[in-house]
Amino acid sequence: MMIKNDMESMTKQTKNIPQLRFREFDDVWTEEKLGTLLSFKNGLNAVKEKYGKGIKFINVLDIINNRYINYANIIGKVEVSESELQKNRVEYGDVLFQRSSETREEVGQANVYLDKERCAIFGGFVIRGHKKQAYDPMFMNMLLKTWSARKEITTRSGGSTRYNIGQDSLEVVKINFPSLPEQQKIASFLSAIDRKIQQLTRKKELFEQYKKGVMQKIFSREIRFKNENGKDYPDWSKSAFRNIVEKSGCKHNPKLDSNDLPCIELESIEKENGALIKVFSSKDQKSIKNMFKNGDVLFGKLRPNLKKYLMPVFDGVCSSEIWVLKGKEIDNLYLFYLVQSDYFYRISTITSGSKMPRADWDYISSCPVHYPCSQEQRKIASFLSAIDKKIESIQSQITQTQSFKKGLLQRMFV
């Protein structure tokens, strides 16, 4: 019996030690209930006239849209009395939980309040966990986002059409906790990775803003390129869109053709990024599709304000809600950037249909378009392509760093 108990103790200790940790720490993590660390309270429900002014007011969007919460990044405001403020104040280190959700996977999402200067209050769809014992707030924030902690919370939620988590359920959620110095070391290390991700994200945003600004000047002819001898290229020509671009009418019917071709649907194309998310199989698609060739330009005509465009590097078929465009008087790569321009956006959003608006080809094809000679087209396309490659490189670094962090979260927490 003694051997069995010893074995059970050793197994439990092994389970309460993370796979990866700093050398100076070797203590077993202790299992704690959230109720020993936090005291819980439901939030404030005010009358609608009180919203929009007063003190910052934490709601569900503040929880799910921020890495952490401070006074500046809270969206809403509400006017409250002094007694209501005292009952519902949120202070540094408090944890906010999403009280309900349409899906079990999202209920009980948590975030921490990290503003030492100003307090806020919280709403009725939020549960506040007020700090009772010492812990590192950022560590707690990261811990409550791990798979094991999320599973503990979501399995205790209830409901059918909408899932809810209550104070009583949160109190008995079990988490594994290290010493405060180890918490602080883990939080500091992972926060440094978060800062790197933020820096890369900001760098990507700046390149995207630069691309947008320079494209506006290029297609309005404020910026012109010169030839190899430093001389100006000829003035841009002007013609109706239909004279320089053709819309492919080539159809493919999977029922009549056994070839299994890559199939691109609207959901395959990332919004405003010209990037491919996923590819379907044409054998799985029942409707007639448009065929495209490597280097054609695809443009999503359904809800064109979504700005879905793509230049695939393979042959295949695409949704009938996607136009296959080919340059006649202009190069396809130049065309790819032309459909991203402000001018094309304006003419493509003159739509037909009400419930499901679609870009109107008859209107677009009749619109006048200015375009440069083929040599300047290539220079413009090459210049913008180089910016895109830089943006893609930064995005790759962001993705790799996020994956690195995800792996650390799995190994540095029990």
Protein backbone atom coordinates (compact mmCIF):
# COMPACT_ATOMS: atom_id res chain seq x y z
CA MET A 1 0.00 0.00 0.00
CA MET A 2 2.87 2.33 0.84
CA ILE A 3 4.49 1.57 -2.52
CA LYS A 4 1.24 2.35 -4.36
CA ASN A 5 0.84 5.67 -2.56
CA ASP A 6 4.46 6.55 -3.29
CA MET A 7 3.93 5.70 -6.96
CA GLU A 8 0.79 7.83 -7.11
CA SER A 9 2.67 10.72 -5.47
CA MET A 10 5.56 10.45 -7.95
CA THR A 11 3.16 10.33 -10.91
CA LYS A 12 1.31 13.42 -9.66
CA GLN A 13 4.59 15.27 -9.14
CA THR A 14 5.72 14.38 -12.68
CA LYS A 15 2.47 15.72 -14.05
CA ASN A 16 2.97 18.97 -12.13
CA ILE A 17 6.38 19.72 -13.66
CA PRO A 18 6.51 21.46 -17.05
CA GLN A 19 8.60 19.99 -19.88
CA LEU A 20 10.62 23.16 -20.26
CA ARG A 21 11.69 25.52 -17.47
CA PHE A 22 14.51 27.77 -16.31
CA ARG A 23 17.45 26.03 -14.58
CA GLU A 24 17.10 27.78 -11.24
CA PHE A 25 13.63 26.30 -10.63
CA ASP A 26 12.93 22.69 -9.74
CA ASP A 27 9.94 22.86 -7.37
CA VAL A 28 6.79 20.95 -8.22
CA TRP A 29 3.95 23.23 -9.33
CA THR A 30 0.99 23.25 -6.96
CA GLU A 31 -2.60 22.68 -7.98
CA GLU A 32 -4.83 25.59 -7.00
CA LYS A 33 -8.49 26.41 -7.42
CA LEU A 34 -9.21 29.81 -8.93
CA GLY A 35 -11.41 30.54 -5.93
CA THR A 36 -8.34 30.58 -3.67
CA LEU A 37 -6.67 33.23 -5.86
CA LEU A 38 -9.62 35.33 -7.01
CA SER A 39 -12.95 36.52 -5.65
CA PHE A 40 -15.62 36.68 -8.34
CA LYS A 41 -18.39 39.17 -9.11
CA ASN A 42 -20.80 39.76 -11.99
CA GLY A 43 -20.70 43.14 -13.71
CA LEU A 44 -22.85 46.23 -13.92
CA ASN A 45 -25.99 46.62 -16.06
CA ALA A 46 -26.81 50.30 -16.52
CA VAL A 47 -29.71 51.95 -18.34
CA LYS A 48 -28.90 52.82 -21.96
CA GLU A 49 -28.85 56.59 -21.29
CA LYS A 50 -25.79 56.12 -19.07
CA TYR A 51 -23.56 54.67 -21.79
CA GLY A 52 -21.15 56.71 -23.92
CA LYS A 53 -19.84 59.00 -21.17
CA GLY A 54 -18.14 58.69 -17.81
CA ILE A 55 -15.62 56.04 -16.75
CA LYS A 56 -14.17 53.37 -19.06
CA PHE A 57 -16.32 50.25 -19.13
CA ILE A 58 -14.87 46.77 -19.90
CA ASN A 59 -17.01 44.55 -22.13
CA VAL A 60 -16.48 41.23 -23.91
CA LEU A 61 -14.76 42.78 -26.95
CA ASP A 62 -12.12 44.31 -24.69
CA ILE A 63 -11.40 40.83 -23.33
CA ILE A 64 -11.08 39.01 -26.63
CA ASN A 65 -9.46 41.71 -28.81
CA ASN A 66 -6.50 42.72 -26.63
CA ARG A 67 -3.35 40.98 -25.48
CA TYR A 68 -4.05 42.62 -22.12
CA ILE A 69 -6.38 45.40 -20.97
CA ASN A 70 -5.42 48.89 -19.90
CA TYR A 71 -7.50 52.03 -19.55
CA ALA A 72 -6.52 53.40 -22.96
CA ASN A 73 -7.59 50.37 -25.02
CA ILE A 74 -11.05 49.98 -23.45
CA ILE A 75 -13.75 50.82 -25.99
CA GLY A 76 -16.81 52.00 -24.04
CA LYS A 77 -17.77 54.37 -21.24
CA VAL A 78 -20.58 54.48 -18.69
CA GLU A 79 -21.71 57.02 -16.15
CA VAL A 80 -21.95 55.56 -12.63
CA SER A 81 -22.40 56.72 -9.05
CA GLU A 82 -19.57 56.56 -6.53
CA SER A 83 -21.14 53.53 -4.81
CA GLU A 84 -21.48 51.69 -8.14
CA LEU A 85 -17.86 52.50 -8.93
CA GLN A 86 -16.66 51.05 -5.62
CA LYS A 87 -18.67 47.85 -6.15
CA ASN A 88 -17.58 47.31 -9.73
CA ARG A 89 -14.09 48.82 -9.96
CA VAL A 90 -11.39 46.91 -11.82
CA GLU A 91 -7.84 47.36 -10.53
CA TYR A 92 -4.36 46.31 -11.56
CA GLY A 93 -4.04 42.52 -11.61
CA ASP A 94 -7.77 41.76 -11.72
CA VAL A 95 -8.86 39.13 -14.25
CA LEU A 96 -11.92 39.57 -16.49
CA PHE A 97 -13.83 36.58 -17.88
CA GLN A 98 -16.27 36.36 -20.79
CA ARG A 99 -19.47 35.20 -19.15
CA SER A 100 -21.31 33.71 -22.16
CA SER A 101 -20.83 32.76 -25.80
CA GLU A 102 -22.61 31.05 -28.67
CA THR A 103 -19.90 28.37 -28.70
CA ARG A 104 -18.46 26.38 -25.81
CA GLU A 105 -14.92 26.92 -27.14
CA GLU A 106 -15.14 30.69 -26.53
CA VAL A 107 -16.97 30.89 -23.21
CA GLY A 108 -14.89 32.00 -20.23
CA GLN A 109 -12.10 33.63 -22.22
CA ALA A 110 -9.96 35.66 -19.83
CA ASN A 111 -7.83 38.78 -19.87
CA VAL A 112 -5.99 40.75 -17.22
CA TYR A 113 -6.19 44.44 -16.32
CA LEU A 114 -2.71 45.98 -16.24
CA ASP A 115 -3.24 49.69 -15.63
CA LYS A 116 -1.68 50.84 -12.36
CA GLU A 117 -2.75 54.48 -12.74
CA ARG A 118 -6.51 54.30 -13.37
CA CYS A 119 -9.30 51.92 -12.45
CA ALA A 120 -12.18 50.93 -14.73
CA ILE A 121 -15.49 49.14 -14.25
CA PHE A 122 -16.98 46.10 -16.00
CA GLY A 123 -20.27 45.08 -17.60
CA GLY A 124 -22.95 42.48 -17.03
CA PHE A 125 -21.60 40.02 -19.62
CA VAL A 126 -18.27 39.98 -17.78
CA ILE A 127 -17.17 38.33 -14.52
CA ARG A 128 -14.39 40.02 -12.56
CA GLY A 129 -11.85 37.97 -10.65
CA HIS A 130 -10.44 40.27 -7.96
CA LYS A 131 -6.96 39.42 -6.74
CA LYS A 132 -6.91 37.72 -3.31
CA GLN A 133 -3.39 36.27 -3.25
CA ALA A 134 -0.05 37.26 -4.77
CA TYR A 135 0.53 36.25 -8.39
CA ASP A 136 2.14 37.77 -11.44
CA PRO A 137 -0.76 39.23 -13.49
CA MET A 138 0.86 38.65 -16.87
CA PHE A 139 1.67 35.05 -15.95
CA MET A 140 -1.96 34.55 -14.90
CA ASN A 141 -3.06 36.03 -18.21
CA MET A 142 -0.92 33.57 -20.17
CA LEU A 143 -1.83 30.62 -17.94
CA LEU A 144 -5.56 31.13 -18.46
CA LYS A 145 -5.02 31.02 -22.24
CA THR A 146 -3.30 27.59 -22.18
CA TRP A 147 -5.10 24.53 -23.50
CA SER A 148 -5.38 22.86 -20.09
CA ALA A 149 -6.84 25.95 -18.38
CA ARG A 150 -9.25 26.58 -21.25
CA LYS A 151 -10.43 22.96 -21.08
CA GLU A 152 -11.00 23.28 -17.32
CA ILE A 153 -13.17 26.35 -17.89
CA THR A 154 -15.12 25.27 -20.98
CA THR A 155 -16.04 21.84 -19.59
CA ARG A 156 -17.67 23.58 -16.62
CA SER A 157 -19.84 25.80 -18.83
CA GLY A 158 -23.50 25.04 -19.39
CA GLY A 159 -26.25 25.82 -21.87
CA SER A 160 -27.63 24.66 -25.20
CA THR A 161 -28.17 27.51 -27.68
CA ARG A 162 -25.79 29.72 -25.67
CA TYR A 163 -23.07 28.63 -23.25
CA ASN A 164 -22.50 30.31 -19.90
CA ILE A 165 -19.98 30.15 -17.08
CA GLY A 166 -20.86 31.32 -13.57
CA GLN A 167 -18.93 32.46 -10.52
CA ASP A 168 -19.42 29.11 -8.74
CA SER A 169 -18.00 27.22 -11.72
CA LEU A 170 -14.97 29.51 -12.02
CA GLU A 171 -14.21 29.13 -8.31
CA VAL A 172 -13.57 25.38 -8.67
CA VAL A 173 -11.50 25.58 -11.88
CA LYS A 174 -8.14 23.92 -11.16
CA ILE A 175 -4.86 25.39 -12.40
CA ASN A 176 -1.23 24.47 -11.77
CA PHE A 177 0.84 27.25 -10.25
CA PRO A 178 4.61 27.72 -9.74
CA SER A 179 6.34 30.00 -7.23
CA LEU A 180 6.04 33.76 -7.74
CA PRO A 181 9.69 34.14 -8.92
CA GLU A 182 9.14 31.46 -11.58
CA GLN A 183 5.88 33.12 -12.63
CA GLN A 184 7.70 36.41 -13.08
CA LYS A 185 10.53 34.80 -15.07
CA ILE A 186 8.13 33.02 -17.44
CA ALA A 187 6.00 36.15 -17.87
CA SER A 188 9.05 38.31 -18.61
CA PHE A 189 10.41 35.83 -21.17
CA LEU A 190 7.11 35.36 -23.02
CA SER A 191 6.37 39.10 -22.88
CA ALA A 192 9.64 39.71 -24.73
CA ILE A 193 8.40 37.39 -27.49
CA ASP A 194 5.08 39.25 -27.54
CA ARG A 195 6.95 42.54 -27.97
CA LYS A 196 8.84 41.02 -30.91
CA ILE A 197 5.53 40.00 -32.51
CA GLN A 198 4.15 43.50 -31.92
CA GLN A 199 7.23 45.08 -33.50
CA LEU A 200 6.97 42.84 -36.56
CA THR A 201 3.24 43.51 -36.84
CA ARG A 202 3.83 47.25 -36.69
CA LYS A 203 6.59 46.94 -39.30
CA LYS A 204 4.22 45.06 -41.60
CA GLU A 205 1.51 47.70 -41.09
CA LEU A 206 3.97 50.47 -42.04
CA PHE A 207 4.96 48.66 -45.25
CA GLU A 208 1.28 48.13 -46.10
CA GLN A 209 0.59 51.83 -45.53
CA TYR A 210 3.59 52.73 -47.68
CA LYS A 211 2.40 50.43 -50.47
CA LYS A 212 -1.09 51.94 -50.36
CA GLY A 213 0.26 55.50 -50.48
CA VAL A 214 2.75 54.87 -53.27
CA MET A 215 0.15 52.99 -55.34
CA GLN A 216 -2.19 55.95 -55.11
CA LYS A 217 0.54 58.23 -56.45
CA ILE A 218 1.59 55.77 -59.18
CA PHE A 219 -1.88 55.22 -60.61
CA SER A 220 -2.72 58.93 -60.40
CA ARG A 221 0.58 59.54 -62.28
CA GLU A 222 2.06 61.70 -59.52
CA ILE A 223 5.02 59.30 -59.51
CA ARG A 224 6.58 58.36 -62.87
CA PHE A 225 9.42 55.95 -63.64
CA LYS A 226 12.28 56.61 -66.04
CA ASN A 227 14.02 54.33 -68.52
CA GLU A 228 17.56 52.96 -68.28
CA ASN A 229 18.94 56.19 -69.72
CA GLY A 230 17.12 58.34 -67.16
CA LYS A 231 14.65 59.57 -69.76
CA ASP A 232 10.88 59.86 -69.26
CA TYR A 233 8.65 57.19 -70.67
CA PRO A 234 5.86 58.27 -73.06
CA ASP A 235 2.67 59.72 -71.66
CA TRP A 236 0.11 57.19 -70.48
CA SER A 237 -2.57 56.05 -72.91
CA LYS A 238 -6.28 56.08 -72.20
CA SER A 239 -8.87 53.53 -73.18
CA ALA A 240 -12.00 51.74 -71.98
CA PHE A 241 -11.21 48.89 -69.59
CA ARG A 242 -12.62 46.33 -72.05
CA ASN A 243 -10.00 47.33 -74.63
CA ILE A 244 -7.03 46.54 -72.40
CA VAL A 245 -8.41 43.65 -70.30
CA GLU A 246 -10.55 40.64 -71.19
CA LYS A 247 -12.76 38.62 -68.86
CA SER A 248 -12.41 34.90 -69.52
CA GLY A 249 -15.57 33.01 -70.43
CA CYS A 250 -13.97 29.56 -70.54
CA LYS A 251 -16.04 27.12 -68.50
CA HIS A 252 -15.26 23.77 -66.88
CA ASN A 253 -17.86 21.23 -65.83
CA PRO A 254 -16.59 18.57 -63.39
CA LYS A 255 -19.43 16.24 -64.42
CA LEU A 256 -18.07 16.10 -67.97
CA ASP A 257 -14.36 16.10 -67.16
CA SER A 258 -12.60 13.57 -64.91
CA ASN A 259 -9.54 15.78 -64.39
CA ASP A 260 -9.07 16.70 -60.72
CA LEU A 261 -8.11 20.38 -60.87
CA PRO A 262 -7.30 22.81 -58.06
CA CYS A 263 -10.45 24.81 -57.31
CA ILE A 264 -10.42 28.29 -55.75
CA GLU A 265 -13.55 29.55 -53.97
CA LEU A 266 -14.07 33.04 -52.54
CA GLU A 267 -13.16 31.76 -49.08
CA SER A 268 -9.83 30.59 -50.54
CA ILE A 269 -8.65 34.18 -50.92
CA GLU A 270 -7.49 36.22 -47.95
CA LYS A 271 -9.19 39.60 -47.67
CA GLU A 272 -7.16 42.56 -49.00
CA ASN A 273 -3.98 40.50 -49.08
CA GLY A 274 -3.94 38.74 -52.44
CA ALA A 275 -2.90 35.55 -50.61
CA LEU A 276 -4.17 32.00 -51.00
CA ILE A 277 -5.59 30.39 -47.86
CA LYS A 278 -6.66 26.97 -49.16
CA VAL A 279 -7.51 25.09 -52.35
CA PHE A 280 -10.44 22.75 -52.94
CA SER A 281 -10.73 19.82 -55.33
CA SER A 282 -12.77 20.35 -58.50
CA LYS A 283 -14.18 16.84 -58.09
CA ASP A 284 -15.90 18.00 -54.91
CA GLN A 285 -17.50 21.00 -56.63
CA LYS A 286 -20.78 20.39 -58.47
CA SER A 287 -21.37 23.69 -60.26
CA ILE A 288 -19.79 24.93 -63.45
CA LYS A 289 -16.59 26.87 -62.79
CA ASN A 290 -14.36 29.34 -64.62
CA MET A 291 -11.04 27.98 -65.78
CA PHE A 292 -7.84 29.98 -65.24
CA LYS A 293 -4.19 29.68 -66.22
CA ASN A 294 -1.01 30.32 -64.29
CA GLY A 295 -0.58 34.10 -64.08
CA ASP A 296 -4.19 35.09 -64.70
CA VAL A 297 -5.70 37.65 -62.32
CA LEU A 298 -8.66 36.53 -60.20
CA PHE A 299 -11.03 39.11 -58.74
CA GLY A 300 -13.95 38.37 -56.40
CA LYS A 301 -16.95 40.12 -57.92
CA LEU A 302 -19.30 39.17 -55.05
CA ARG A 303 -19.19 41.93 -52.40
CA PRO A 304 -16.21 43.61 -54.12
CA ASN A 305 -15.69 45.84 -51.08
CA LEU A 306 -13.98 42.80 -49.52
CA LYS A 307 -11.11 43.37 -52.00
CA LYS A 308 -10.42 39.73 -52.80
CA TYR A 309 -7.88 39.32 -55.61
CA LEU A 310 -5.27 36.70 -56.43
CA MET A 311 -2.66 35.85 -59.04
CA PRO A 312 -2.31 32.03 -58.92
CA VAL A 313 0.89 30.25 -59.98
CA PHE A 314 -0.94 27.14 -61.26
CA ASP A 315 -3.75 26.20 -63.64
CA GLY A 316 -7.17 25.43 -62.19
CA VAL A 317 -10.81 26.42 -61.86
CA CYS A 318 -12.50 29.00 -59.68
CA SER A 319 -15.92 29.98 -58.40
CA SER A 320 -18.31 31.64 -60.84
CA GLU A 321 -18.30 34.53 -58.33
CA ILE A 322 -14.68 35.20 -59.33
CA TRP A 323 -13.70 36.94 -62.55
CA VAL A 324 -10.75 35.57 -64.51
CA LEU A 325 -9.02 38.61 -66.02
CA LYS A 326 -6.27 38.68 -68.64
CA GLY A 327 -4.34 41.66 -69.92
CA LYS A 328 -4.55 42.55 -73.62
CA GLU A 329 -2.75 45.89 -73.79
CA ILE A 330 -1.32 45.56 -70.28
CA ASP A 331 0.86 42.97 -68.57
CA ASN A 332 -0.90 40.57 -66.17
CA LEU A 333 1.33 41.48 -63.21
CA TYR A 334 0.59 45.17 -63.83
CA LEU A 335 -3.12 44.23 -64.05
CA PHE A 336 -2.83 42.51 -60.65
CA TYR A 337 -1.82 45.82 -59.09
CA LEU A 338 -4.31 47.82 -61.15
CA VAL A 339 -7.22 45.88 -59.58
CA GLN A 340 -5.80 46.84 -56.17
CA SER A 341 -5.81 50.55 -56.99
CA ASP A 342 -8.21 53.09 -55.49
CA TYR A 343 -9.61 53.81 -58.94
CA PHE A 344 -10.54 50.19 -59.62
CA TYR A 345 -12.02 49.92 -56.13
CA ARG A 346 -14.30 52.89 -56.85
CA ILE A 347 -15.57 51.52 -60.15
CA SER A 348 -15.93 47.94 -58.87
CA THR A 349 -18.13 48.99 -55.96
CA ILE A 350 -20.74 50.40 -58.34
CA THR A 351 -22.67 47.16 -57.99
CA SER A 352 -25.79 45.44 -59.19
CA GLY A 353 -27.99 43.49 -56.80
CA SER A 354 -29.06 44.42 -53.28
CA LYS A 355 -28.89 41.41 -50.94
CA MET A 356 -25.72 40.05 -52.59
CA PRO A 357 -24.10 42.98 -54.45
CA ARG A 358 -21.79 42.09 -57.31
CA ALA A 359 -19.38 44.17 -59.35
CA ASP A 360 -20.98 45.19 -62.66
CA TRP A 361 -18.79 44.13 -65.60
CA ASP A 362 -20.79 46.14 -68.14
CA TYR A 363 -20.10 49.29 -66.12
CA ILE A 364 -16.46 48.51 -65.32
CA SER A 365 -15.61 47.50 -68.89
CA SER A 366 -16.85 50.87 -70.17
CA CYS A 367 -14.85 52.94 -67.66
CA PRO A 368 -11.80 54.81 -68.98
CA VAL A 369 -8.40 53.63 -67.72
CA HIS A 370 -5.01 55.33 -68.05
CA TYR A 371 -2.07 52.96 -68.55
CA PRO A 372 1.66 53.32 -69.32
CA CYS A 373 3.79 51.72 -72.01
CA SER A 374 4.86 48.10 -71.51
CA GLN A 375 8.33 49.03 -70.23
CA GLU A 376 6.95 51.32 -67.52
CA GLN A 377 4.30 48.72 -66.67
CA ARG A 378 7.06 46.21 -65.93
CA LYS A 379 8.95 48.71 -63.77
CA ILE A 380 5.83 49.55 -61.78
CA ALA A 381 4.92 45.88 -61.33
CA SER A 382 8.48 44.99 -60.31
CA PHE A 383 8.60 47.84 -57.78
CA LEU A 384 5.27 46.92 -56.16
CA SER A 385 6.11 43.22 -56.26
CA ALA A 386 9.29 43.91 -54.27
CA ILE A 387 7.17 45.63 -51.57
CA ASP A 388 4.82 42.64 -51.50
CA LYS A 389 7.75 40.26 -51.05
CA LYS A 390 8.96 42.35 -48.12
CA ILE A 391 5.48 42.25 -46.55
CA GLU A 392 5.31 38.47 -47.10
CA SER A 393 8.73 38.06 -45.48
CA ILE A 394 7.64 40.01 -42.40
CA GLN A 395 4.40 38.00 -42.22
CA SER A 396 6.47 34.81 -42.36
CA GLN A 397 8.54 36.06 -39.40
CA ILE A 398 5.34 36.85 -37.49
CA THR A 399 3.93 33.38 -38.18
CA GLN A 400 7.18 31.67 -37.16
CA THR A 401 7.43 33.70 -33.94
CA GLN A 402 3.79 32.97 -33.09
CA SER A 403 4.39 29.25 -33.66
CA PHE A 404 7.51 29.43 -31.49
CA LYS A 405 5.50 31.07 -28.71
CA LYS A 406 2.71 28.51 -29.05
CA GLY A 407 5.23 25.70 -28.65
CA LEU A 408 6.69 27.38 -25.56
CA LEU A 409 3.24 27.80 -24.03
CA GLN A 410 2.66 24.06 -24.40
CA ARG A 411 5.98 23.16 -22.78
CA MET A 412 6.48 25.89 -20.15
CA PHE A 413 3.10 25.36 -18.50
CA VAL A 414 1.78 22.23 -16.85
